[in-house]
N, C-alpha and C. Protein backbone atom coordinates (compact mmCIF):
# COMPACT_ATOMS: atom_id res chain seq x y z
N UNK A 1 -46.89 -32.92 -46.63
CA UNK A 1 -45.88 -31.73 -46.19
C UNK A 1 -45.20 -31.95 -47.84
N UNK A 2 -44.39 -33.54 -48.04
CA UNK A 2 -43.17 -33.64 -48.77
C UNK A 2 -43.88 -33.51 -50.09
N UNK A 3 -45.52 -33.89 -50.47
CA UNK A 3 -45.98 -33.61 -51.41
C UNK A 3 -45.78 -31.63 -51.99
N UNK A 4 -45.78 -31.06 -51.12
CA UNK A 4 -46.19 -29.71 -51.03
C UNK A 4 -44.38 -29.62 -51.68
N UNK A 5 -43.31 -29.79 -51.27
CA UNK A 5 -42.23 -29.21 -51.41
C UNK A 5 -42.09 -30.01 -53.20
N UNK A 6 -42.43 -31.59 -53.34
CA UNK A 6 -42.21 -32.03 -54.29
C UNK A 6 -42.48 -30.94 -55.76
N UNK A 7 -43.69 -30.56 -55.45
CA UNK A 7 -45.11 -29.27 -55.95
C UNK A 7 -43.79 -28.48 -56.30
N UNK A 8 -42.83 -27.62 -55.28
CA UNK A 8 -41.65 -26.45 -55.98
C UNK A 8 -41.17 -26.59 -56.35
N UNK A 9 -40.56 -28.21 -57.00
CA UNK A 9 -39.72 -28.28 -58.00
C UNK A 9 -40.48 -28.64 -59.10
N UNK A 10 -41.47 -29.04 -59.37
CA UNK A 10 -41.76 -29.34 -60.78
C UNK A 10 -41.09 -28.44 -62.09
N UNK A 11 -40.77 -27.40 -62.07
CA UNK A 11 -40.39 -27.13 -63.44
C UNK A 11 -38.96 -27.40 -63.74
N UNK A 12 -38.20 -27.91 -62.78
CA UNK A 12 -36.90 -28.77 -63.07
C UNK A 12 -37.14 -30.16 -63.96
N UNK A 13 -35.97 -30.63 -64.77
CA UNK A 13 -36.13 -31.64 -64.94
C UNK A 13 -35.87 -33.28 -63.98
N UNK A 14 -36.71 -34.00 -63.98
CA UNK A 14 -36.99 -35.26 -63.07
C UNK A 14 -36.30 -35.68 -61.99
N UNK A 15 -34.60 -35.20 -63.10
CA UNK A 15 -33.45 -35.75 -62.01
C UNK A 15 -33.14 -34.70 -60.84
N UNK A 16 -33.07 -33.30 -61.82
CA UNK A 16 -32.59 -32.55 -60.94
C UNK A 16 -33.69 -32.34 -59.70
N UNK A 17 -35.12 -32.24 -59.62
CA UNK A 17 -36.24 -31.50 -58.90
C UNK A 17 -36.11 -33.02 -57.79
N UNK A 18 -35.38 -34.42 -58.20
CA UNK A 18 -35.53 -35.38 -57.19
C UNK A 18 -34.32 -35.08 -56.41
N UNK A 19 -33.07 -34.15 -57.37
CA UNK A 19 -31.70 -33.97 -56.25
C UNK A 19 -32.09 -32.77 -54.82
N UNK A 20 -32.98 -31.57 -56.01
CA UNK A 20 -33.34 -30.75 -54.98
C UNK A 20 -34.44 -31.20 -53.73
N UNK A 21 -34.99 -32.37 -53.82
CA UNK A 21 -36.44 -32.44 -53.04
C UNK A 21 -35.57 -33.28 -51.83
N UNK A 22 -34.39 -34.23 -52.67
CA UNK A 22 -33.71 -35.01 -51.14
C UNK A 22 -32.83 -33.95 -50.48
N UNK A 23 -32.18 -33.11 -51.17
CA UNK A 23 -31.24 -32.29 -50.22
C UNK A 23 -32.13 -31.18 -49.29
N UNK A 24 -33.72 -30.88 -49.91
CA UNK A 24 -34.17 -30.39 -48.73
C UNK A 24 -34.86 -31.18 -47.50
N UNK A 25 -35.08 -32.53 -48.12
CA UNK A 25 -35.23 -32.99 -46.74
C UNK A 25 -34.19 -33.52 -45.92
N UNK A 26 -33.16 -33.60 -46.61
CA UNK A 26 -32.20 -33.79 -45.59
C UNK A 26 -31.10 -32.77 -45.03
N UNK A 27 -32.01 -31.40 -45.51
CA UNK A 27 -31.25 -30.32 -44.70
C UNK A 27 -32.30 -29.47 -43.61
N UNK A 28 -33.53 -29.86 -43.68
CA UNK A 28 -34.61 -29.47 -42.98
C UNK A 28 -35.99 -30.07 -41.82
N UNK A 29 -35.54 -31.50 -42.73
CA UNK A 29 -36.19 -32.44 -41.92
C UNK A 29 -35.77 -33.31 -40.33
N UNK A 30 -36.44 -32.95 -39.97
CA UNK A 30 -36.10 -33.76 -38.54
C UNK A 30 -35.56 -35.43 -38.66
N UNK A 31 -34.71 -36.33 -38.00
CA UNK A 31 -35.20 -37.48 -38.38
C UNK A 31 -35.87 -38.17 -38.70
N UNK A 32 -37.06 -38.30 -37.31
CA UNK A 32 -38.75 -38.58 -37.45
C UNK A 32 -39.38 -38.26 -38.71
N UNK A 33 -39.20 -37.29 -39.21
CA UNK A 33 -39.85 -36.99 -40.07
C UNK A 33 -39.27 -37.50 -41.56
N UNK A 34 -38.37 -37.77 -41.46
CA UNK A 34 -37.22 -39.00 -42.51
C UNK A 34 -38.15 -40.16 -42.47
N UNK A 35 -37.54 -40.53 -41.26
CA UNK A 35 -37.83 -42.09 -40.83
C UNK A 35 -39.87 -42.54 -41.58
N UNK A 36 -40.24 -41.32 -41.09
CA UNK A 36 -41.56 -41.93 -41.64
C UNK A 36 -41.94 -41.46 -42.72
N UNK A 37 -41.16 -41.10 -43.67
CA UNK A 37 -41.26 -40.51 -45.79
C UNK A 37 -40.47 -42.25 -46.07
N UNK A 38 -39.61 -42.47 -45.27
CA UNK A 38 -39.04 -43.77 -46.02
C UNK A 38 -40.01 -44.93 -45.29
N UNK A 39 -40.84 -44.86 -44.21
CA UNK A 39 -41.04 -45.76 -44.03
C UNK A 39 -42.92 -45.38 -45.43
N UNK A 40 -43.35 -44.66 -45.49
CA UNK A 40 -44.41 -44.55 -46.20
C UNK A 40 -44.02 -45.04 -48.05
N UNK A 41 -42.68 -44.82 -47.96
CA UNK A 41 -42.21 -45.14 -49.69
C UNK A 41 -41.77 -46.33 -49.53
N UNK A 42 -41.09 -47.56 -48.21
CA UNK A 42 -41.20 -48.79 -48.61
C UNK A 42 -42.84 -49.36 -48.57
N UNK A 43 -43.70 -48.79 -47.85
CA UNK A 43 -45.29 -49.32 -48.06
C UNK A 43 -45.40 -48.96 -49.64
N UNK A 44 -45.17 -48.45 -50.33
CA UNK A 44 -45.77 -48.12 -50.89
C UNK A 44 -47.14 -47.39 -51.62
N UNK A 45 -46.72 -46.21 -50.51
CA UNK A 45 -48.14 -45.53 -50.58
C UNK A 45 -48.21 -44.35 -51.96
N UNK A 46 -49.39 -44.93 -52.78
CA UNK A 46 -49.38 -44.08 -53.64
C UNK A 46 -50.63 -42.89 -53.63
N UNK A 47 -50.31 -42.69 -52.54
CA UNK A 47 -50.28 -41.07 -52.14
C UNK A 47 -49.50 -39.87 -52.19
N UNK A 48 -48.39 -40.58 -52.49
CA UNK A 48 -46.93 -40.04 -51.83
C UNK A 48 -46.65 -39.02 -53.85
N UNK A 49 -46.13 -37.85 -54.36
CA UNK A 49 -45.74 -37.65 -55.50
C UNK A 49 -44.32 -38.02 -55.86
N UNK A 50 -44.67 -38.99 -57.11
CA UNK A 50 -43.15 -39.55 -57.47
C UNK A 50 -41.90 -39.09 -57.43
N UNK A 51 -41.81 -37.77 -57.69
CA UNK A 51 -40.83 -37.00 -57.46
C UNK A 51 -40.20 -37.19 -56.21
N UNK A 52 -41.19 -37.32 -55.22
CA UNK A 52 -40.74 -37.72 -53.64
C UNK A 52 -40.03 -38.92 -53.62
N UNK A 53 -41.35 -39.47 -54.10
CA UNK A 53 -39.94 -41.25 -54.21
C UNK A 53 -39.08 -40.95 -54.36
N UNK A 54 -39.02 -40.48 -55.79
CA UNK A 54 -37.59 -40.65 -56.35
C UNK A 54 -36.48 -40.23 -55.43
N UNK A 55 -36.50 -38.88 -54.64
CA UNK A 55 -35.97 -38.26 -53.92
C UNK A 55 -35.12 -39.43 -52.78
N UNK A 56 -36.68 -39.50 -51.98
CA UNK A 56 -36.34 -40.32 -50.81
C UNK A 56 -35.41 -41.71 -51.41
N UNK A 57 -35.68 -42.57 -52.89
CA UNK A 57 -34.82 -43.29 -52.73
C UNK A 57 -33.52 -43.35 -53.10
N UNK A 58 -33.27 -41.71 -53.78
CA UNK A 58 -31.84 -41.17 -53.68
C UNK A 58 -30.85 -40.95 -52.45
N UNK A 59 -31.63 -40.20 -51.41
CA UNK A 59 -31.42 -40.46 -49.78
C UNK A 59 -30.77 -41.41 -49.42
N UNK A 60 -31.74 -43.23 -49.51
CA UNK A 60 -31.32 -44.10 -48.90
C UNK A 60 -30.27 -44.69 -49.65
N UNK A 61 -30.15 -44.47 -51.16
CA UNK A 61 -29.00 -44.78 -51.55
C UNK A 61 -27.97 -44.32 -51.42
N UNK A 62 -27.54 -43.02 -51.34
CA UNK A 62 -26.47 -42.15 -50.74
C UNK A 62 -26.11 -42.54 -49.52
N UNK A 63 -26.89 -42.99 -48.48
CA UNK A 63 -26.51 -43.45 -47.21
C UNK A 63 -25.68 -44.47 -47.75
N UNK A 64 -26.60 -45.76 -48.01
CA UNK A 64 -26.31 -47.23 -48.22
C UNK A 64 -25.13 -47.29 -49.00
N UNK A 65 -24.47 -46.07 -49.78
CA UNK A 65 -23.44 -46.27 -50.51
C UNK A 65 -22.25 -45.24 -49.45
N UNK A 66 -22.28 -44.47 -49.07
CA UNK A 66 -21.51 -43.97 -47.52
C UNK A 66 -21.21 -44.60 -47.12
N UNK A 67 -21.71 -45.93 -46.37
CA UNK A 67 -21.86 -46.64 -45.28
C UNK A 67 -21.05 -47.70 -45.89
N UNK A 68 -21.27 -48.17 -47.11
CA UNK A 68 -20.70 -48.69 -47.71
C UNK A 68 -19.15 -48.36 -47.68
N UNK A 69 -18.72 -47.15 -47.98
CA UNK A 69 -17.27 -46.52 -48.55
C UNK A 69 -16.54 -46.90 -46.60
N UNK A 70 -17.15 -46.51 -46.59
CA UNK A 70 -17.01 -46.30 -44.91
C UNK A 70 -16.59 -47.46 -44.28
N UNK A 71 -16.85 -48.62 -44.68
CA UNK A 71 -16.27 -49.94 -43.50
C UNK A 71 -14.94 -50.12 -44.31
N UNK A 72 -14.41 -51.10 -43.53
CA UNK A 72 -13.17 -51.37 -43.92
C UNK A 72 -13.16 -52.47 -44.55
N UNK A 73 -11.91 -52.94 -45.45
CA UNK A 73 -12.08 -54.07 -46.59
C UNK A 73 -10.82 -55.38 -45.52
């Protein structure tokens, strides 16, 4: 399903497409689906569209950034 979503955004520049895909995944996928996708990306599944992989990494990086900012110093 993720590859199908990625194909819907191929008309955009890669950076914009990855942002759009990551927003879609975060908005419409349940946590189990997002977790399964993260696991596939972490395992290096080469059947995943490169835009989907980039989007998944953006979400991971954004979550990490937010967690880091939320921690008291």
